[in-house]
């Protein structure tokens, strides 16, 4: 196995927007916000890390479970935050699809990927043009390694739990050995 690309940059601030992180932004936003809000660069970076992303767009929560509930109530800011979050993930998958000249497998992981069936469903619907077909019954699974694509899907889709703390501990042990 070899890494071909990653959605992260110099810091986790780059890439896909997250609960509180902005993800990719035009760097010119930093001096603009500094001038408009009277903040220094450090304060703007702090805002991009802690007050942006899903939280900043929804003005409600960084937790996508909360956002999905608000979307069901028709909250326009929650819908915007969800749609932007989903679109950024779809954009990266499409980008990697082209880079790799195809795709055999998509794996949803971490908190949202493991547990948020609604977000997985919306992402997979947007990827239908690539041949992704989600089995809605299988997609009800949470927190388990499981195939959630239908038999007619051209790309197999899985959900897989992570254990980041265990990986960090293993990597640390390898470094000190």
Protein backbone atom coordinates (compact mmCIF):
# COMPACT_ATOMS: atom_id res chain seq x y z
CA UNK A 1 0.00 0.00 0.00
CA UNK A 2 1.27 3.49 -0.79
CA UNK A 3 -0.15 6.94 -0.18
CA UNK A 4 -0.83 8.84 -3.41
CA UNK A 5 -2.32 12.01 -1.92
CA UNK A 6 -3.91 13.38 1.24
CA UNK A 7 -6.63 15.91 1.96
CA UNK A 8 -4.54 17.52 4.70
CA UNK A 9 -1.88 20.12 4.14
CA UNK A 10 0.75 21.60 6.44
CA UNK A 11 -1.84 21.45 9.25
CA UNK A 12 -5.27 19.84 9.69
CA UNK A 13 -6.73 23.25 8.84
CA UNK A 14 -6.31 22.47 5.13
CA UNK A 15 -8.46 19.93 3.33
CA UNK A 16 -12.04 18.99 4.09
CA UNK A 17 -13.97 21.24 6.47
CA UNK A 18 -14.52 19.66 9.86
CA UNK A 19 -16.59 20.30 12.94
CA UNK A 20 -14.77 23.52 13.84
CA UNK A 21 -12.04 23.80 11.18
CA UNK A 22 -12.62 25.74 7.99
CA UNK A 23 -10.88 23.38 5.59
CA UNK A 24 -9.49 24.87 2.39
CA UNK A 25 -9.91 28.63 2.21
CA UNK A 26 -8.53 31.39 0.04
CA UNK A 27 -5.47 32.64 1.98
CA UNK A 28 -6.48 36.21 1.23
CA UNK A 29 -9.26 35.77 3.78
CA UNK A 30 -6.71 36.14 6.59
CA UNK A 31 -5.69 39.77 5.98
CA UNK A 32 -9.29 40.60 5.05
CA UNK A 33 -10.59 39.31 8.41
CA UNK A 34 -7.68 40.94 10.24
CA UNK A 35 -8.66 44.31 8.81
CA UNK A 36 -12.44 43.87 9.08
CA UNK A 37 -12.47 42.40 12.61
CA UNK A 38 -9.36 44.06 14.06
CA UNK A 39 -7.73 40.71 14.80
CA UNK A 40 -4.13 39.64 14.45
CA UNK A 41 -3.06 36.67 12.29
CA UNK A 42 -2.90 34.32 15.28
CA UNK A 43 -6.48 35.18 16.27
CA UNK A 44 -7.73 34.60 12.71
CA UNK A 45 -5.95 31.23 12.53
CA UNK A 46 -7.49 30.35 15.90
CA UNK A 47 -10.95 31.23 14.53
CA UNK A 48 -10.33 29.14 11.40
CA UNK A 49 -9.42 26.21 13.66
CA UNK A 50 -12.01 26.56 16.43
CA UNK A 51 -14.95 28.65 15.20
CA UNK A 52 -15.34 27.70 11.55
CA UNK A 53 -16.34 24.60 9.61
CA UNK A 54 -19.70 23.08 10.40
CA UNK A 55 -19.93 25.07 13.62
CA UNK A 56 -19.19 28.40 11.98
CA UNK A 57 -21.62 27.84 9.12
CA UNK A 58 -24.47 26.51 11.26
CA UNK A 59 -23.83 28.90 14.16
CA UNK A 60 -25.18 26.05 16.25
CA UNK A 61 -22.96 23.00 16.70
CA UNK A 62 -19.84 21.26 15.46
CA UNK A 63 -21.54 17.87 15.89
CA UNK A 64 -23.07 16.58 12.67
CA UNK A 65 -25.67 14.62 14.64
CA UNK A 66 -27.04 17.95 15.84
CA UNK A 67 -26.79 19.40 12.34
CA UNK A 68 -28.75 16.49 10.83
CA UNK A 69 -31.51 16.97 13.42
CA UNK A 70 -31.67 20.69 12.64
CA UNK A 71 -31.78 19.88 8.91
CA UNK A 72 -34.82 17.70 9.53
CA UNK A 73 -36.44 20.76 11.17
CA UNK A 74 -35.65 22.80 8.06
CA UNK A 75 -33.01 25.06 9.63
CA UNK A 76 -31.36 26.87 6.66
CA UNK A 77 -27.96 27.35 8.33
CA UNK A 78 -27.78 23.70 9.32
CA UNK A 79 -28.75 22.68 5.78
CA UNK A 80 -26.04 24.96 4.37
CA UNK A 81 -23.42 23.53 6.77
CA UNK A 82 -24.41 19.94 5.94
CA UNK A 83 -24.47 20.57 2.21
CA UNK A 84 -21.09 22.30 2.21
CA UNK A 85 -19.57 19.52 4.35
CA UNK A 86 -20.95 16.84 2.04
CA UNK A 87 -19.88 18.68 -1.09
CA UNK A 88 -16.29 19.04 0.10
CA UNK A 89 -16.11 15.29 0.79
CA UNK A 90 -17.63 14.51 -2.62
CA UNK A 91 -15.16 16.92 -4.25
CA UNK A 92 -12.20 15.12 -2.70
CA UNK A 93 -13.51 11.67 -3.62
CA UNK A 94 -14.06 12.82 -7.22
CA UNK A 95 -10.58 14.36 -7.31
CA UNK A 96 -9.02 11.11 -6.08
CA UNK A 97 -11.16 9.09 -8.48
CA UNK A 98 -9.61 11.00 -11.40
CA UNK A 99 -6.09 10.92 -9.89
CA UNK A 100 -6.28 7.14 -9.46
CA UNK A 101 -8.08 6.64 -12.79
CA UNK A 102 -10.91 4.84 -11.06
CA UNK A 103 -11.83 3.48 -7.68
CA UNK A 104 -12.65 0.05 -6.29
CA UNK A 105 -13.56 0.92 -2.71
CA UNK A 106 -14.75 3.84 -0.59
CA UNK A 107 -14.49 3.48 3.18
CA UNK A 108 -16.35 5.75 5.59
CA UNK A 109 -14.55 5.97 8.90
CA UNK A 110 -14.18 8.05 12.06
CA UNK A 111 -17.15 9.44 13.98
CA UNK A 112 -19.26 10.67 11.08
CA UNK A 113 -18.29 7.86 8.72
CA UNK A 114 -18.94 5.19 11.31
CA UNK A 115 -22.15 6.54 12.74
CA UNK A 116 -23.91 9.15 10.60
CA UNK A 117 -26.09 7.21 8.20
CA UNK A 118 -27.76 10.36 6.85
CA UNK A 119 -24.45 11.96 5.83
CA UNK A 120 -23.24 8.71 4.21
CA UNK A 121 -26.49 8.51 2.27
CA UNK A 122 -26.24 12.05 0.90
CA UNK A 123 -22.59 11.57 -0.06
CA UNK A 124 -23.33 8.31 -1.86
CA UNK A 125 -26.26 9.85 -3.75
CA UNK A 126 -23.93 12.56 -5.03
CA UNK A 127 -21.46 9.87 -6.12
CA UNK A 128 -24.05 7.91 -8.11
CA UNK A 129 -22.52 9.32 -11.32
CA UNK A 130 -19.39 7.29 -10.50
CA UNK A 131 -21.45 4.14 -10.06
CA UNK A 132 -21.91 4.27 -6.29
CA UNK A 133 -25.17 2.70 -5.15
CA UNK A 134 -25.91 2.56 -1.45
CA UNK A 135 -28.07 -0.16 0.08
CA UNK A 136 -30.29 1.87 2.43
CA UNK A 137 -30.96 -1.11 4.69
CA UNK A 138 -27.25 -1.98 5.02
CA UNK A 139 -26.49 1.70 5.63
CA UNK A 140 -28.35 1.55 8.95
CA UNK A 141 -25.28 -0.11 10.47
CA UNK A 142 -23.24 1.93 12.95
CA UNK A 143 -19.81 1.36 14.45
CA UNK A 144 -19.02 -1.90 12.66
CA UNK A 145 -16.95 -3.01 9.69
CA UNK A 146 -19.62 -3.59 7.09
CA UNK A 147 -20.29 -3.30 3.40
CA UNK A 148 -23.08 -0.80 2.84
CA UNK A 149 -23.18 -0.68 -0.96
CA UNK A 150 -25.77 -2.54 -3.00
CA UNK A 151 -24.94 -5.49 -5.23
CA UNK A 152 -25.25 -3.27 -8.29
CA UNK A 153 -22.76 -0.65 -7.07
CA UNK A 154 -19.69 -0.33 -9.31
CA UNK A 155 -17.69 0.85 -6.29
CA UNK A 156 -17.85 -1.12 -3.06
CA UNK A 157 -18.65 1.06 -0.03
CA UNK A 158 -17.75 0.12 3.53
CA UNK A 159 -17.99 1.63 6.98
CA UNK A 160 -15.11 0.96 9.37
CA UNK A 161 -14.58 2.07 12.97
CA UNK A 162 -11.32 3.74 13.90
CA UNK A 163 -9.28 3.72 17.04
CA UNK A 164 -7.05 6.77 16.68
CA UNK A 165 -5.76 6.53 20.24
CA UNK A 166 -4.54 2.97 19.62
CA UNK A 167 -2.80 4.01 16.39
CA UNK A 168 -1.09 6.93 18.14
CA UNK A 169 0.06 4.61 20.93
CA UNK A 170 1.42 2.08 18.41
CA UNK A 171 3.19 4.79 16.40
CA UNK A 172 4.68 6.22 19.60
CA UNK A 173 5.91 2.78 20.66
CA UNK A 174 7.49 2.27 17.25
CA UNK A 175 9.25 5.63 17.50
CA UNK A 176 10.76 4.95 20.92
CA UNK A 177 11.85 1.37 20.13
